[in-house]
Amino acid sequence: MSLDLRFERLIAAMPERVFDAFTDPVGQDEFYGQDADGWIVDPRCDLRVGGVWSVSFGPSPDELYHHRHVFEVIDRPRRILMASTEMRRDGSSFETTVEFTFEPRGASTLMTMVQSAFPSEDLRDEHTVGLPNAFDRLERSLDVRTRPT
């Protein structure tokens, strides 16, 4: 039995804008960021099939999570599929697959994330805690980019 996590958000922007925001350094920083002072996010992305998107994030330099995603499919602006390895702060790790889709819904985008093959229900459920914030921050970054200066 595969333990999967699915999360969706309707974002008031076209798929091209959402895809591009998600894959650029500012969007990556927003997706893994927190509103707490001192939160660290260090994303590095080689956006190509076979390329690596690595992200280190956490409350301090001594307390970082490390995610390493290898792009398997990049179909701008519709889909991204990645093989993911997550290194925990305790030194343990696990592997999953992560798929993001960007579907047009009128003048908006239904952005969906499906993360598959969690090794335990606890790890899967832990990931549900941060996802609303991740999508909120990405959506806010799109709002900021469209405001007049």
Protein backbone atom coordinates (compact mmCIF):
# COMPACT_ATOMS: atom_id res chain seq x y z
CA MET A 1 0.00 0.00 0.00
CA SER A 2 1.36 3.41 -0.99
CA LEU A 3 0.95 6.27 1.44
CA ASP A 4 0.18 9.36 -0.62
CA LEU A 5 -0.53 12.98 0.15
CA ARG A 6 -2.60 15.22 -2.12
CA PHE A 7 -2.97 18.99 -1.72
CA GLU A 8 -4.73 21.43 -4.06
CA ARG A 9 -5.05 25.19 -4.27
CA LEU A 10 -6.93 27.39 -6.74
CA ILE A 11 -4.61 30.34 -7.46
CA ALA A 12 -5.81 33.52 -9.16
CA ALA A 13 -3.22 33.52 -11.96
CA MET A 14 -2.73 31.70 -15.25
CA PRO A 15 -0.74 28.42 -15.27
CA GLU A 16 2.31 29.99 -16.96
CA ARG A 17 2.62 32.59 -14.18
CA VAL A 18 2.13 30.05 -11.39
CA PHE A 19 4.57 27.57 -12.94
CA ASP A 20 7.21 30.26 -13.49
CA ALA A 21 6.76 31.68 -9.98
CA PHE A 22 7.04 28.23 -8.44
CA THR A 23 10.23 27.37 -10.34
CA ASP A 24 12.12 30.64 -9.88
CA PRO A 25 14.35 31.28 -6.84
CA VAL A 26 11.91 33.72 -5.21
CA GLY A 27 9.03 31.26 -5.52
CA GLN A 28 11.15 28.40 -4.22
CA ASP A 29 12.16 30.53 -1.24
CA GLU A 30 8.50 31.36 -0.60
CA PHE A 31 7.35 27.74 -0.89
CA TYR A 32 9.79 26.50 1.76
CA GLY A 33 9.75 29.67 3.86
CA GLN A 34 8.09 30.59 7.10
CA ASP A 35 6.89 33.93 8.42
CA ALA A 36 9.08 33.43 11.52
CA ASP A 37 12.18 35.57 11.99
CA GLY A 38 15.42 33.70 11.40
CA TRP A 39 13.93 30.93 9.24
CA ILE A 40 16.52 29.81 6.69
CA VAL A 41 15.78 28.73 3.12
CA ASP A 42 18.59 27.95 0.69
CA PRO A 43 17.18 26.74 -2.67
CA ARG A 44 19.31 25.76 -5.67
CA CYS A 45 17.69 24.67 -8.88
CA ASP A 46 18.86 23.28 -12.20
CA LEU A 47 15.50 23.30 -13.98
CA ARG A 48 15.94 20.58 -16.60
CA VAL A 49 15.14 16.88 -16.81
CA GLY A 50 17.88 15.19 -14.77
CA GLY A 51 18.62 18.47 -12.98
CA VAL A 52 18.52 18.81 -9.21
CA TRP A 53 16.49 21.15 -7.06
CA SER A 54 18.04 21.10 -3.60
CA VAL A 55 16.56 23.00 -0.69
CA SER A 56 17.88 23.35 2.83
CA PHE A 57 15.52 24.96 5.32
CA GLY A 58 14.89 25.23 9.02
CA PRO A 59 15.00 27.42 12.10
CA SER A 60 18.81 27.72 12.33
CA PRO A 61 22.01 26.61 10.55
CA ASP A 62 22.28 23.69 13.00
CA GLU A 63 18.67 22.56 12.49
CA LEU A 64 18.14 22.21 8.74
CA TYR A 65 16.10 19.79 6.69
CA HIS A 66 17.60 18.96 3.29
CA HIS A 67 15.46 18.01 0.29
CA ARG A 68 16.98 16.82 -2.97
CA HIS A 69 14.60 16.59 -5.91
CA VAL A 70 15.66 15.22 -9.31
CA PHE A 71 13.47 16.39 -12.18
CA GLU A 72 12.03 13.48 -14.18
CA VAL A 73 9.43 15.45 -16.17
CA ILE A 74 9.18 19.18 -16.85
CA ASP A 75 6.22 20.07 -19.04
CA ARG A 76 5.86 23.84 -18.71
CA PRO A 77 3.31 25.05 -17.70
CA ARG A 78 1.41 21.84 -16.96
CA ARG A 79 3.46 19.41 -14.90
CA ILE A 80 6.60 18.69 -12.91
CA LEU A 81 7.54 15.20 -11.68
CA MET A 82 10.46 14.68 -9.32
CA ALA A 83 12.15 11.88 -7.42
CA SER A 84 12.70 13.28 -3.94
CA THR A 85 15.03 12.40 -1.08
CA GLU A 86 14.35 14.08 2.23
CA MET A 87 17.11 14.22 4.84
CA ARG A 88 15.72 14.75 8.32
CA ARG A 89 17.38 16.77 11.06
CA ASP A 90 18.11 13.51 12.94
CA GLY A 91 20.13 12.18 9.97
CA SER A 92 17.46 9.76 8.71
CA SER A 93 16.12 10.00 5.17
CA PHE A 94 13.37 8.68 2.94
CA GLU A 95 12.43 8.79 -0.74
CA THR A 96 9.16 9.76 -2.41
CA THR A 97 7.94 10.97 -5.76
CA VAL A 98 6.42 14.44 -6.01
CA GLU A 99 4.21 15.64 -8.84
CA PHE A 100 2.94 19.18 -9.32
CA THR A 101 0.26 19.94 -11.89
CA PHE A 102 -0.95 23.35 -13.04
CA GLU A 103 -4.42 23.15 -14.62
CA PRO A 104 -6.25 26.16 -16.09
CA ARG A 105 -9.54 27.05 -14.43
CA GLY A 106 -10.78 30.16 -16.22
CA ALA A 107 -8.39 32.97 -15.27
CA SER A 108 -6.99 30.83 -12.41
CA THR A 109 -4.85 27.73 -11.92
CA LEU A 110 -5.61 24.61 -9.95
CA MET A 111 -2.16 23.75 -8.56
CA THR A 112 -2.04 20.21 -7.23
CA MET A 113 0.76 18.44 -5.39
CA VAL A 114 0.77 14.66 -5.01
CA GLN A 115 3.59 13.17 -2.96
CA SER A 116 3.69 9.37 -3.09
CA ALA A 117 5.33 6.48 -1.27
CA PHE A 118 5.75 7.87 2.23
CA PRO A 119 7.29 5.20 4.46
CA SER A 120 4.83 5.87 7.30
CA GLU A 121 1.52 7.55 8.05
CA ASP A 122 3.27 9.77 10.61
CA LEU A 123 5.68 11.19 8.01
CA ARG A 124 2.86 11.69 5.53
CA ASP A 125 0.70 13.44 8.12
CA GLU A 126 3.61 15.63 9.26
CA HIS A 127 3.83 17.01 5.72
CA THR A 128 0.21 18.18 5.80
CA VAL A 129 1.10 20.74 8.49
CA GLY A 130 3.32 22.96 6.32
CA LEU A 131 1.55 22.68 2.97
CA PRO A 132 -1.16 25.31 3.54
CA ASN A 133 1.56 27.82 4.50
CA ALA A 134 3.70 26.86 1.48
CA PHE A 135 0.84 27.46 -0.95
CA ASP A 136 -0.23 30.65 0.91
CA ARG A 137 3.27 32.10 0.60
CA LEU A 138 3.59 31.17 -3.08
CA GLU A 139 0.20 32.74 -3.79
CA ARG A 140 1.15 35.92 -1.89
CA SER A 141 4.38 36.17 -3.89
CA LEU A 142 2.27 36.19 -7.07
CA ASP A 143 0.11 38.97 -5.61
CA VAL A 144 3.19 41.05 -4.85
CA ARG A 145 4.54 40.58 -8.39
CA THR A 146 1.34 41.95 -9.95
CA ARG A 147 0.97 45.07 -7.79
CA PRO A 148 1.79 48.38 -9.47
CA THR A 149 4.99 50.04 -8.25
